[in-house]
Amino acid sequence: MSNLIKRFKEDLQLAGYAKRSIQSYTSAVLRLQRFYNKPLHDITEEQLRQYWLCCQNEFGWSAATLRISYSGIQHFFTRTLVRSWNIFNDIKWKREQTLPTILSLEEVRKIIYALPTMQSQTFYLTLYSMGLRLREATTLQVKDILSDRGLVHIHGGKGAQDRTVPLPKITLWALREYYKTQLLTFRLSQPKMVIPSLGPQWRQRRPICQRSCK
Protein backbone atom coordinates (compact mmCIF):
# COMPACT_ATOMS: atom_id res chain seq x y z
CA MET A 1 0.00 0.00 0.00
CA SER A 2 1.40 3.39 -1.00
CA ASN A 3 1.84 6.15 1.55
CA LEU A 4 -0.80 8.25 -0.23
CA ILE A 5 -3.43 5.52 -0.02
CA LYS A 6 -2.55 4.88 3.61
CA ARG A 7 -2.93 8.61 4.33
CA PHE A 8 -6.22 8.68 2.43
CA LYS A 9 -7.66 5.87 4.54
CA GLU A 10 -6.55 7.66 7.69
CA ASP A 11 -8.17 10.92 6.50
CA LEU A 12 -11.47 9.12 5.93
CA GLN A 13 -11.23 7.36 9.27
CA LEU A 14 -10.66 10.64 11.09
CA ALA A 15 -13.61 12.14 9.21
CA GLY A 16 -15.84 9.44 10.71
CA TYR A 17 -16.53 7.33 7.62
CA ALA A 18 -17.67 3.74 8.07
CA LYS A 19 -15.32 0.88 7.21
CA ARG A 20 -17.41 -0.11 4.19
CA SER A 21 -17.35 3.45 2.83
CA ILE A 22 -13.59 3.62 3.27
CA GLN A 23 -13.22 0.40 1.28
CA SER A 24 -15.48 1.67 -1.51
CA TYR A 25 -13.72 5.03 -1.77
CA THR A 26 -10.27 3.44 -1.72
CA SER A 27 -11.28 1.03 -4.48
CA ALA A 28 -12.50 3.96 -6.58
CA VAL A 29 -9.13 5.73 -6.26
CA LEU A 30 -7.14 2.58 -7.02
CA ARG A 31 -9.28 1.95 -10.11
CA LEU A 32 -8.38 5.42 -11.37
CA GLN A 33 -4.69 4.72 -10.78
CA ARG A 34 -4.88 1.42 -12.70
CA PHE A 35 -6.65 3.16 -15.58
CA TYR A 36 -3.78 5.61 -16.16
CA ASN A 37 -1.01 3.39 -14.75
CA LYS A 38 0.78 6.36 -13.23
CA PRO A 39 1.24 7.89 -9.75
CA LEU A 40 -1.94 9.47 -8.44
CA HIS A 41 -0.30 12.82 -7.76
CA ASP A 42 0.60 13.08 -11.47
CA ILE A 43 -2.99 12.77 -12.68
CA THR A 44 -4.33 16.07 -14.00
CA GLU A 45 -7.79 17.61 -13.79
CA GLU A 46 -8.32 17.09 -17.53
CA GLN A 47 -7.35 13.42 -17.23
CA LEU A 48 -9.86 13.02 -14.45
CA ARG A 49 -12.53 14.58 -16.67
CA GLN A 50 -11.67 12.18 -19.52
CA TYR A 51 -11.70 9.24 -17.11
CA TRP A 52 -15.29 9.85 -16.02
CA LEU A 53 -16.41 10.45 -19.61
CA CYS A 54 -14.89 7.10 -20.53
CA CYS A 55 -16.54 5.37 -17.56
CA GLN A 56 -19.91 6.81 -18.55
CA ASN A 57 -19.76 6.48 -22.34
CA GLU A 58 -17.45 3.52 -22.96
CA PHE A 59 -17.85 1.37 -19.86
CA GLY A 60 -21.53 2.17 -19.41
CA TRP A 61 -21.37 2.78 -15.67
CA SER A 62 -24.65 3.58 -13.96
CA ALA A 63 -25.20 6.89 -12.19
CA ALA A 64 -24.92 5.10 -8.84
CA THR A 65 -21.50 3.63 -9.72
CA LEU A 66 -20.32 6.99 -11.03
CA ARG A 67 -21.38 8.71 -7.80
CA ILE A 68 -19.35 6.26 -5.72
CA SER A 69 -16.35 6.84 -7.98
CA TYR A 70 -16.82 10.60 -7.74
CA SER A 71 -17.11 10.57 -3.94
CA GLY A 72 -13.97 8.52 -3.44
CA ILE A 73 -11.83 10.43 -5.93
CA GLN A 74 -13.17 13.81 -4.83
CA HIS A 75 -12.30 13.06 -1.21
CA PHE A 76 -8.84 11.87 -2.21
CA PHE A 77 -7.89 14.91 -4.28
CA THR A 78 -9.47 17.52 -1.98
CA ARG A 79 -8.63 16.03 1.42
CA THR A 80 -5.40 14.09 0.89
CA LEU A 81 -3.78 15.97 -2.01
CA VAL A 82 -5.53 19.27 -1.11
CA ARG A 83 -6.40 20.25 -4.66
CA SER A 84 -9.28 22.63 -5.37
CA TRP A 85 -10.30 21.64 -8.89
CA ASN A 86 -13.37 23.07 -10.60
CA ILE A 87 -14.38 19.66 -11.88
CA PHE A 88 -15.58 18.63 -8.41
CA ASN A 89 -18.09 21.49 -8.48
CA ASP A 90 -19.21 20.97 -12.07
CA ILE A 91 -20.03 17.25 -12.15
CA LYS A 92 -23.48 15.98 -11.17
CA TRP A 93 -25.13 12.66 -11.86
CA LYS A 94 -28.85 12.43 -11.33
CA ARG A 95 -30.18 9.70 -9.10
CA GLU A 96 -31.95 6.99 -11.03
CA GLN A 97 -35.63 6.77 -10.12
CA THR A 98 -36.32 3.04 -10.21
CA LEU A 99 -38.85 0.90 -8.40
CA PRO A 100 -37.76 -2.40 -6.84
CA THR A 101 -39.22 -5.68 -7.99
CA ILE A 102 -41.69 -6.80 -5.35
CA LEU A 103 -42.14 -10.56 -5.06
CA SER A 104 -45.24 -12.22 -3.69
CA LEU A 105 -45.00 -14.31 -0.52
CA GLU A 106 -45.46 -17.45 -2.60
CA GLU A 107 -42.60 -16.46 -4.93
CA VAL A 108 -40.32 -15.79 -1.96
CA ARG A 109 -41.26 -19.14 -0.41
CA LYS A 110 -40.45 -21.01 -3.64
CA ILE A 111 -37.08 -19.29 -3.99
CA ILE A 112 -36.04 -20.01 -0.40
CA TYR A 113 -37.11 -23.67 -0.45
CA ALA A 114 -35.34 -24.16 -3.78
CA LEU A 115 -31.99 -23.40 -2.12
CA PRO A 116 -29.80 -26.49 -1.74
CA THR A 117 -29.01 -26.50 2.01
CA MET A 118 -30.79 -25.80 5.27
CA GLN A 119 -28.09 -23.26 6.08
CA SER A 120 -28.76 -21.21 2.92
CA GLN A 121 -32.53 -21.48 3.37
CA THR A 122 -32.31 -20.21 6.95
CA PHE A 123 -29.87 -17.46 6.01
CA TYR A 124 -32.00 -16.00 3.23
CA LEU A 125 -35.20 -16.31 5.22
CA THR A 126 -33.51 -14.30 7.99
CA LEU A 127 -32.17 -11.72 5.53
CA TYR A 128 -35.44 -11.25 3.61
CA SER A 129 -37.93 -11.39 6.46
CA MET A 130 -36.09 -8.72 8.48
CA GLY A 131 -35.01 -6.53 5.55
CA LEU A 132 -31.29 -6.90 6.26
CA ARG A 133 -28.34 -6.02 4.08
CA LEU A 134 -25.94 -8.84 3.25
CA ARG A 135 -23.26 -7.72 5.68
CA GLU A 136 -25.81 -7.25 8.46
CA ALA A 137 -27.11 -10.80 8.00
CA THR A 138 -23.67 -12.42 7.89
CA THR A 139 -22.48 -10.69 11.07
CA LEU A 140 -25.68 -11.11 13.11
CA GLN A 141 -24.93 -12.59 16.54
CA VAL A 142 -27.10 -14.71 18.83
CA LYS A 143 -26.89 -12.10 21.57
CA ASP A 144 -28.56 -9.60 19.21
CA ILE A 145 -31.79 -11.63 19.11
CA LEU A 146 -34.29 -10.66 21.79
CA SER A 147 -36.73 -13.51 21.23
CA ASP A 148 -38.85 -12.70 24.29
CA ARG A 149 -39.49 -9.19 22.91
CA GLY A 150 -39.69 -10.20 19.26
CA LEU A 151 -36.86 -7.82 18.30
CA VAL A 152 -33.38 -7.96 16.81
CA HIS A 153 -30.55 -5.46 17.30
CA ILE A 154 -28.69 -4.64 14.07
CA HIS A 155 -25.21 -3.20 14.59
CA GLY A 156 -23.10 -1.18 12.15
CA GLY A 157 -25.67 -0.77 9.38
CA LYS A 158 -25.50 1.81 6.62
CA GLY A 159 -23.65 4.88 7.84
CA ALA A 160 -22.44 2.86 10.87
CA GLN A 161 -25.90 3.26 12.42
CA ASP A 162 -27.49 0.73 14.78
CA ARG A 163 -31.20 -0.04 14.66
CA THR A 164 -33.84 -2.44 15.96
CA VAL A 165 -36.06 -4.52 13.67
CA PRO A 166 -39.01 -6.86 14.38
CA LEU A 167 -38.31 -10.60 14.58
CA PRO A 168 -40.99 -12.52 12.63
CA LYS A 169 -42.29 -15.67 14.29
CA ILE A 170 -41.51 -17.77 11.21
CA THR A 171 -37.88 -16.61 11.32
CA LEU A 172 -37.51 -17.42 15.01
CA TRP A 173 -39.00 -20.88 14.39
CA ALA A 174 -36.66 -21.49 11.43
CA LEU A 175 -33.58 -20.47 13.43
CA ARG A 176 -34.50 -22.80 16.29
CA GLU A 177 -35.04 -25.68 13.87
CA TYR A 178 -31.73 -24.90 12.21
CA TYR A 179 -29.87 -25.09 15.51
CA LYS A 180 -31.53 -28.35 16.47
CA THR A 181 -30.68 -30.12 13.22
CA GLN A 182 -27.57 -28.50 11.75
CA LEU A 183 -25.52 -27.13 14.62
CA LEU A 184 -25.81 -30.24 16.77
CA THR A 185 -24.30 -32.16 13.88
CA PHE A 186 -21.22 -29.93 14.11
CA ARG A 187 -21.22 -30.11 17.93
CA LEU A 188 -21.37 -26.34 18.25
CA SER A 189 -23.01 -26.05 21.65
CA GLN A 190 -22.70 -22.28 22.13
CA PRO A 191 -22.79 -20.59 18.73
CA LYS A 192 -21.74 -16.94 18.61
CA MET A 193 -23.08 -16.11 15.14
CA VAL A 194 -26.71 -16.59 14.10
CA ILE A 195 -25.56 -18.27 10.87
CA PRO A 196 -21.96 -19.41 11.56
CA SER A 197 -19.53 -20.85 9.08
CA LEU A 198 -19.74 -24.65 9.22
CA GLY A 199 -16.29 -25.35 7.80
CA PRO A 200 -13.30 -26.68 9.74
CA GLN A 201 -13.30 -26.60 13.55
CA TRP A 202 -11.46 -23.26 13.79
CA ARG A 203 -14.09 -21.48 11.68
CA GLN A 204 -17.22 -22.63 13.45
CA ARG A 205 -17.51 -19.49 15.57
CA ARG A 206 -16.89 -17.17 12.62
CA PRO A 207 -19.61 -15.61 10.44
CA ILE A 208 -20.56 -17.16 7.15
CA CYS A 209 -18.53 -15.70 4.28
CA GLN A 210 -20.33 -12.94 2.35
CA ARG A 211 -18.87 -14.20 -0.92
CA SER A 212 -20.47 -17.61 -0.45
CA CYS A 213 -23.88 -15.93 -0.07
CA LYS A 214 -23.80 -14.07 -3.40
C-alpha atoms as a PDB file:
ATOM      1  CA  MET A   1       0.000   0.000   0.000  1.00  0.00           C
ATOM      2  CA  SER A   2       1.395   3.387  -1.000  1.00  0.00           C
ATOM      3  CA  ASN A   3       1.841   6.154   1.553  1.00  0.00           C
ATOM      4  CA  LEU A   4      -0.803   8.251  -0.226  1.00  0.00           C
ATOM      5  CA  ILE A   5      -3.430   5.515  -0.017  1.00  0.00           C
ATOM      6  CA  LYS A   6      -2.553   4.885   3.613  1.00  0.00           C
ATOM      7  CA  ARG A   7      -2.925   8.606   4.333  1.00  0.00           C
ATOM      8  CA  PHE A   8      -6.223   8.684   2.427  1.00  0.00           C
ATOM      9  CA  LYS A   9      -7.661   5.870   4.540  1.00  0.00           C
ATOM     10  CA  GLU A  10      -6.549   7.659   7.695  1.00  0.00           C
ATOM     11  CA  ASP A  11      -8.166  10.916   6.502  1.00  0.00           C
ATOM     12  CA  LEU A  12     -11.466   9.117   5.929  1.00  0.00           C
ATOM     13  CA  GLN A  13     -11.233   7.364   9.272  1.00  0.00           C
ATOM     14  CA  LEU A  14     -10.656  10.641  11.085  1.00  0.00           C
ATOM     15  CA  ALA A  15     -13.614  12.142   9.212  1.00  0.00           C
ATOM     16  CA  GLY A  16     -15.837   9.440  10.711  1.00  0.00           C
ATOM     17  CA  TYR A  17     -16.535   7.329   7.625  1.00  0.00           C
ATOM     18  CA  ALA A  18     -17.669   3.739   8.068  1.00  0.00           C
ATOM     19  CA  LYS A  19     -15.319   0.877   7.207  1.00  0.00           C
ATOM     20  CA  ARG A  20     -17.412  -0.109   4.193  1.00  0.00           C
ATOM     21  CA  SER A  21     -17.352   3.452   2.830  1.00  0.00           C
ATOM     22  CA  ILE A  22     -13.588   3.621   3.268  1.00  0.00           C
ATOM     23  CA  GLN A  23     -13.224   0.405   1.284  1.00  0.00           C
ATOM     24  CA  SER A  24     -15.484   1.669  -1.514  1.00  0.00           C
ATOM     25  CA  TYR A  25     -13.720   5.025  -1.771  1.00  0.00           C
ATOM     26  CA  THR A  26     -10.267   3.439  -1.718  1.00  0.00           C
ATOM     27  CA  SER A  27     -11.283   1.029  -4.484  1.00  0.00           C
ATOM     28  CA  ALA A  28     -12.495   3.959  -6.584  1.00  0.00           C
ATOM     29  CA  VAL A  29      -9.133   5.734  -6.260  1.00  0.00           C
ATOM     30  CA  LEU A  30      -7.137   2.583  -7.016  1.00  0.00           C
ATOM     31  CA  ARG A  31      -9.282   1.947 -10.110  1.00  0.00           C
ATOM     32  CA  LEU A  32      -8.381   5.420 -11.374  1.00  0.00           C
ATOM     33  CA  GLN A  33      -4.692   4.721 -10.780  1.00  0.00           C
ATOM     34  CA  ARG A  34      -4.876   1.423 -12.696  1.00  0.00           C
ATOM     35  CA  PHE A  35      -6.650   3.165 -15.575  1.00  0.00           C
ATOM     36  CA  TYR A  36      -3.782   5.612 -16.158  1.00  0.00           C
ATOM     37  CA  ASN A  37      -1.011   3.390 -14.753  1.00  0.00           C
ATOM     38  CA  LYS A  38       0.778   6.357 -13.227  1.00  0.00           C
ATOM     39  CA  PRO A  39       1.244   7.888  -9.754  1.00  0.00           C
ATOM     40  CA  LEU A  40      -1.944   9.467  -8.436  1.00  0.00           C
ATOM     41  CA  HIS A  41      -0.302  12.819  -7.756  1.00  0.00           C
ATOM     42  CA  ASP A  42       0.602  13.075 -11.473  1.00  0.00           C
ATOM     43  CA  ILE A  43      -2.995  12.767 -12.682  1.00  0.00           C
ATOM     44  CA  THR A  44      -4.333  16.066 -13.997  1.00  0.00           C
ATOM     45  CA  GLU A  45      -7.785  17.607 -13.788  1.00  0.00           C
ATOM     46  CA  GLU A  46      -8.320  17.086 -17.530  1.00  0.00           C
ATOM     47  CA  GLN A  47      -7.351  13.417 -17.228  1.00  0.00           C
ATOM     48  CA  LEU A  48      -9.861  13.017 -14.451  1.00  0.00           C
ATOM     49  CA  ARG A  49     -12.526  14.577 -16.666  1.00  0.00           C
ATOM     50  CA  GLN A  50     -11.673  12.181 -19.519  1.00  0.00           C
ATOM     51  CA  TYR A  51     -11.705   9.238 -17.107  1.00  0.00           C
ATOM     52  CA  TRP A  52     -15.288   9.853 -16.019  1.00  0.00           C
ATOM     53  CA  LEU A  53     -16.408  10.447 -19.606  1.00  0.00           C
ATOM     54  CA  CYS A  54     -14.890   7.098 -20.532  1.00  0.00           C
ATOM     55  CA  CYS A  55     -16.542   5.371 -17.563  1.00  0.00           C
ATOM     56  CA  GLN A  56     -19.909   6.809 -18.545  1.00  0.00           C
ATOM     57  CA  ASN A  57     -19.762   6.480 -22.340  1.00  0.00           C
ATOM     58  CA  GLU A  58     -17.451   3.520 -22.957  1.00  0.00           C
ATOM     59  CA  PHE A  59     -17.846   1.366 -19.857  1.00  0.00           C
ATOM     60  CA  GLY A  60     -21.531   2.167 -19.413  1.00  0.00           C
ATOM     61  CA  TRP A  61     -21.367   2.782 -15.674  1.00  0.00           C
ATOM     62  CA  SER A  62     -24.652   3.576 -13.957  1.00  0.00           C
ATOM     63  CA  ALA A  63     -25.201   6.889 -12.189  1.00  0.00           C
ATOM     64  CA  ALA A  64     -24.924   5.103  -8.835  1.00  0.00           C
ATOM     65  CA  THR A  65     -21.498   3.632  -9.721  1.00  0.00           C
ATOM     66  CA  LEU A  66     -20.319   6.987 -11.030  1.00  0.00           C
ATOM     67  CA  ARG A  67     -21.382   8.713  -7.801  1.00  0.00           C
ATOM     68  CA  ILE A  68     -19.352   6.257  -5.721  1.00  0.00           C
ATOM     69  CA  SER A  69     -16.345   6.839  -7.978  1.00  0.00           C
ATOM     70  CA  TYR A  70     -16.822  10.602  -7.739  1.00  0.00           C
ATOM     71  CA  SER A  71     -17.114  10.566  -3.940  1.00  0.00           C
ATOM     72  CA  GLY A  72     -13.969   8.515  -3.441  1.00  0.00           C
ATOM     73  CA  ILE A  73     -11.830  10.431  -5.934  1.00  0.00           C
ATOM     74  CA  GLN A  74     -13.168  13.812  -4.827  1.00  0.00           C
ATOM     75  CA  HIS A  75     -12.296  13.061  -1.210  1.00  0.00           C
ATOM     76  CA  PHE A  76      -8.837  11.874  -2.214  1.00  0.00           C
ATOM     77  CA  PHE A  77      -7.889  14.914  -4.275  1.00  0.00           C
ATOM     78  CA  THR A  78      -9.469  17.519  -1.982  1.00  0.00           C
ATOM     79  CA  ARG A  79      -8.629  16.027   1.420  1.00  0.00           C
ATOM     80  CA  THR A  80      -5.402  14.093   0.891  1.00  0.00           C
ATOM     81  CA  LEU A  81      -3.785  15.973  -2.006  1.00  0.00           C
ATOM     82  CA  VAL A  82      -5.528  19.270  -1.111  1.00  0.00           C
ATOM     83  CA  ARG A  83      -6.404  20.254  -4.664  1.00  0.00           C
ATOM     84  CA  SER A  84      -9.280  22.625  -5.368  1.00  0.00           C
ATOM     85  CA  TRP A  85     -10.297  21.638  -8.887  1.00  0.00           C
ATOM     86  CA  ASN A  86     -13.374  23.074 -10.597  1.00  0.00           C
ATOM     87  CA  ILE A  87     -14.377  19.656 -11.877  1.00  0.00           C
ATOM     88  CA  PHE A  88     -15.579  18.633  -8.415  1.00  0.00           C
ATOM     89  CA  ASN A  89     -18.094  21.489  -8.482  1.00  0.00           C
ATOM     90  CA  ASP A  90     -19.211  20.967 -12.073  1.00  0.00           C
ATOM     91  CA  ILE A  91     -20.026  17.255 -12.151  1.00  0.00           C
ATOM     92  CA  LYS A  92     -23.479  15.978 -11.172  1.00  0.00           C
ATOM     93  CA  TRP A  93     -25.130  12.660 -11.863  1.00  0.00           C
ATOM     94  CA  LYS A  94     -28.851  12.435 -11.329  1.00  0.00           C
ATOM     95  CA  ARG A  95     -30.181   9.698  -9.096  1.00  0.00           C
ATOM     96  CA  GLU A  96     -31.947   6.985 -11.031  1.00  0.00           C
ATOM     97  CA  GLN A  97     -35.626   6.769 -10.124  1.00  0.00           C
ATOM     98  CA  THR A  98     -36.316   3.037 -10.213  1.00  0.00           C
ATOM     99  CA  LEU A  99     -38.846   0.904  -8.399  1.00  0.00           C
ATOM    100  CA  PRO A 100     -37.760  -2.396  -6.835  1.00  0.00           C
ATOM    101  CA  THR A 101     -39.218  -5.680  -7.994  1.00  0.00           C
ATOM    102  CA  ILE A 102     -41.688  -6.804  -5.353  1.00  0.00           C
ATOM    103  CA  LEU A 103     -42.144 -10.561  -5.063  1.00  0.00           C
ATOM    104  CA  SER A 104     -45.238 -12.217  -3.687  1.00  0.00           C
ATOM    105  CA  LEU A 105     -45.001 -14.315  -0.524  1.00  0.00           C
ATOM    106  CA  GLU A 106     -45.463 -17.450  -2.601  1.00  0.00           C
ATOM    107  CA  GLU A 107     -42.597 -16.459  -4.935  1.00  0.00           C
ATOM    108  CA  VAL A 108     -40.324 -15.790  -1.964  1.00  0.00           C
ATOM    109  CA  ARG A 109     -41.260 -19.143  -0.411  1.00  0.00           C
ATOM    110  CA  LYS A 110     -40.452 -21.008  -3.638  1.00  0.00           C
ATOM    111  CA  ILE A 111     -37.081 -19.286  -3.992  1.00  0.00           C
ATOM    112  CA  ILE A 112     -36.043 -20.012  -0.398  1.00  0.00           C
ATOM    113  CA  TYR A 113     -37.113 -23.665  -0.450  1.00  0.00           C
ATOM    114  CA  ALA A 114     -35.342 -24.165  -3.783  1.00  0.00           C
ATOM    115  CA  LEU A 115     -31.994 -23.395  -2.121  1.00  0.00           C
ATOM    116  CA  PRO A 116     -29.802 -26.495  -1.735  1.00  0.00           C
ATOM    117  CA  THR A 117     -29.013 -26.499   2.008  1.00  0.00           C
ATOM    118  CA  MET A 118     -30.793 -25.798   5.266  1.00  0.00           C
ATOM    119  CA  GLN A 119     -28.093 -23.259   6.080  1.00  0.00           C
ATOM    120  CA  SER A 120     -28.755 -21.211   2.916  1.00  0.00           C
ATOM    121  CA  GLN A 121     -32.529 -21.480   3.374  1.00  0.00           C
ATOM    122  CA  THR A 122     -32.312 -20.212   6.954  1.00  0.00           C
ATOM    123  CA  PHE A 123     -29.869 -17.459   6.010  1.00  0.00           C
ATOM    124  CA  TYR A 124     -32.003 -16.001   3.228  1.00  0.00           C
ATOM    125  CA  LEU A 125     -35.203 -16.309   5.223  1.00  0.00           C
ATOM    126  CA  THR A 126     -33.512 -14.300   7.988  1.00  0.00           C
ATOM    127  CA  LEU A 127     -32.174 -11.718   5.529  1.00  0.00           C
ATOM    128  CA  TYR A 128     -35.437 -11.248   3.605  1.00  0.00           C
ATOM    129  CA  SER A 129     -37.931 -11.388   6.464  1.00  0.00           C
ATOM    130  CA  MET A 130     -36.090  -8.721   8.482  1.00  0.00           C
ATOM    131  CA  GLY A 131     -35.007  -6.531   5.551  1.00  0.00           C
ATOM    132  CA  LEU A 132     -31.290  -6.902   6.262  1.00  0.00           C
ATOM    133  CA  ARG A 133     -28.341  -6.020   4.079  1.00  0.00           C
ATOM    134  CA  LEU A 134     -25.940  -8.839   3.248  1.00  0.00           C
ATOM    135  CA  ARG A 135     -23.256  -7.718   5.683  1.00  0.00           C
ATOM    136  CA  GLU A 136     -25.815  -7.251   8.457  1.00  0.00           C
ATOM    137  CA  ALA A 137     -27.109 -10.798   8.000  1.00  0.00           C
ATOM    138  CA  THR A 138     -23.670 -12.419   7.889  1.00  0.00           C
ATOM    139  CA  THR A 139     -22.485 -10.689  11.071  1.00  0.00           C
ATOM    140  CA  LEU A 140     -25.678 -11.114  13.113  1.00  0.00           C
ATOM    141  CA  GLN A 141     -24.927 -12.588  16.540  1.00  0.00           C
ATOM    142  CA  VAL A 142     -27.096 -14.715  18.828  1.00  0.00           C
ATOM    143  CA  LYS A 143     -26.891 -12.100  21.572  1.00  0.00           C
ATOM    144  CA  ASP A 144     -28.556  -9.596  19.209  1.00  0.00           C
ATOM    145  CA  ILE A 145     -31.786 -11.631  19.112  1.00  0.00           C
ATOM    146  CA  LEU A 146     -34.292 -10.656  21.793  1.00  0.00           C
ATOM    147  CA  SER A 147     -36.728 -13.510  21.229  1.00  0.00           C
ATOM    148  CA  ASP A 148     -38.846 -12.700  24.292  1.00  0.00           C
ATOM    149  CA  ARG A 149     -39.490  -9.193  22.913  1.00  0.00           C
ATOM    150  CA  GLY A 150     -39.687 -10.198  19.261  1.00  0.00           C
ATOM    151  CA  LEU A 151     -36.863  -7.824  18.302  1.00  0.00           C
ATOM    152  CA  VAL A 152     -33.378  -7.962  16.808  1.00  0.00           C
ATOM    153  CA  HIS A 153     -30.546  -5.465  17.299  1.00  0.00           C
ATOM    154  CA  ILE A 154     -28.691  -4.643  14.071  1.00  0.00           C
ATOM    155  CA  HIS A 155     -25.215  -3.196  14.594  1.00  0.00           C
ATOM    156  CA  GLY A 156     -23.101  -1.184  12.153  1.00  0.00           C
ATOM    157  CA  GLY A 157     -25.668  -0.767   9.384  1.00  0.00           C
ATOM    158  CA  LYS A 158     -25.502   1.812   6.616  1.00  0.00           C
ATOM    159  CA  GLY A 159     -23.645   4.876   7.844  1.00  0.00           C
ATOM    160  CA  ALA A 160     -22.437   2.859  10.869  1.00  0.00           C
ATOM    161  CA  GLN A 161     -25.900   3.257  12.419  1.00  0.00           C
ATOM    162  CA  ASP A 162     -27.491   0.728  14.781  1.00  0.00           C
ATOM    163  CA  ARG A 163     -31.196  -0.040  14.656  1.00  0.00           C
ATOM    164  CA  THR A 164     -33.839  -2.439  15.960  1.00  0.00           C
ATOM    165  CA  VAL A 165     -36.060  -4.522  13.672  1.00  0.00           C
ATOM    166  CA  PRO A 166     -39.008  -6.861  14.383  1.00  0.00           C
ATOM    167  CA  LEU A 167     -38.310 -10.597  14.580  1.00  0.00           C
ATOM    168  CA  PRO A 168     -40.989 -12.520  12.626  1.00  0.00           C
ATOM    169  CA  LYS A 169     -42.288 -15.670  14.294  1.00  0.00           C
ATOM    170  CA  ILE A 170     -41.510 -17.769  11.210  1.00  0.00           C
ATOM    171  CA  THR A 171     -37.880 -16.610  11.318  1.00  0.00           C
ATOM    172  CA  LEU A 172     -37.515 -17.424  15.007  1.00  0.00           C
ATOM    173  CA  TRP A 173     -39.000 -20.876  14.392  1.00  0.00           C
ATOM    174  CA  ALA A 174     -36.660 -21.491  11.434  1.00  0.00           C
ATOM    175  CA  LEU A 175     -33.582 -20.469  13.432  1.00  0.00           C
ATOM    176  CA  ARG A 176     -34.504 -22.797  16.290  1.00  0.00           C
ATOM    177  CA  GLU A 177     -35.044 -25.676  13.868  1.00  0.00           C
ATOM    178  CA  TYR A 178     -31.725 -24.895  12.210  1.00  0.00           C
ATOM    179  CA  TYR A 179     -29.868 -25.089  15.508  1.00  0.00           C
ATOM    180  CA  LYS A 180     -31.534 -28.354  16.468  1.00  0.00           C
ATOM    181  CA  THR A 181     -30.675 -30.117  13.221  1.00  0.00           C
ATOM    182  CA  GLN A 182     -27.567 -28.501  11.749  1.00  0.00           C
ATOM    183  CA  LEU A 183     -25.521 -27.134  14.618  1.00  0.00           C
ATOM    184  CA  LEU A 184     -25.812 -30.239  16.772  1.00  0.00           C
ATOM    185  CA  THR A 185     -24.303 -32.160  13.881  1.00  0.00           C
ATOM    186  CA  PHE A 186     -21.219 -29.935  14.105  1.00  0.00           C
ATOM    187  CA  ARG A 187     -21.215 -30.105  17.935  1.00  0.00           C
ATOM    188  CA  LEU A 188     -21.365 -26.341  18.251  1.00  0.00           C
ATOM    189  CA  SER A 189     -23.014 -26.050  21.648  1.00  0.00           C
ATOM    190  CA  GLN A 190     -22.698 -22.284  22.132  1.00  0.00           C
ATOM    191  CA  PRO A 191     -22.791 -20.586  18.734  1.00  0.00           C
ATOM    192  CA  LYS A 192     -21.744 -16.937  18.613  1.00  0.00           C
ATOM    193  CA  MET A 193     -23.084 -16.112  15.144  1.00  0.00           C
ATOM    194  CA  VAL A 194     -26.705 -16.592  14.103  1.00  0.00           C
ATOM    195  CA  ILE A 195     -25.556 -18.274  10.872  1.00  0.00           C
ATOM    196  CA  PRO A 196     -21.957 -19.406  11.560  1.00  0.00           C
ATOM    197  CA  SER A 197     -19.527 -20.849   9.076  1.00  0.00           C
ATOM    198  CA  LEU A 198     -19.737 -24.649   9.216  1.00  0.00           C
ATOM    199  CA  GLY A 199     -16.289 -25.347   7.803  1.00  0.00           C
ATOM    200  CA  PRO A 200     -13.303 -26.676   9.738  1.00  0.00           C
ATOM    201  CA  GLN A 201     -13.303 -26.600  13.552  1.00  0.00           C
ATOM    202  CA  TRP A 202     -11.459 -23.260  13.787  1.00  0.00           C
ATOM    203  CA  ARG A 203     -14.087 -21.485  11.677  1.00  0.00           C
ATOM    204  CA  GLN A 204     -17.224 -22.631  13.453  1.00  0.00           C
ATOM    205  CA  ARG A 205     -17.508 -19.485  15.567  1.00  0.00           C
ATOM    206  CA  ARG A 206     -16.889 -17.173  12.623  1.00  0.00           C
ATOM    207  CA  PRO A 207     -19.606 -15.610  10.441  1.00  0.00           C
ATOM    208  CA  ILE A 208     -20.563 -17.163   7.152  1.00  0.00           C
ATOM    209  CA  CYS A 209     -18.528 -15.697   4.281  1.00  0.00           C
ATOM    210  CA  GLN A 210     -20.332 -12.941   2.351  1.00  0.00           C
ATOM    211  CA  ARG A 211     -18.874 -14.196  -0.922  1.00  0.00           C
ATOM    212  CA  SER A 212     -20.468 -17.608  -0.446  1.00  0.00           C
ATOM    213  CA  CYS A 213     -23.880 -15.931  -0.072  1.00  0.00           C
ATOM    214  CA  LYS A 214     -23.804 -14.069  -3.399  1.00  0.00           C
END
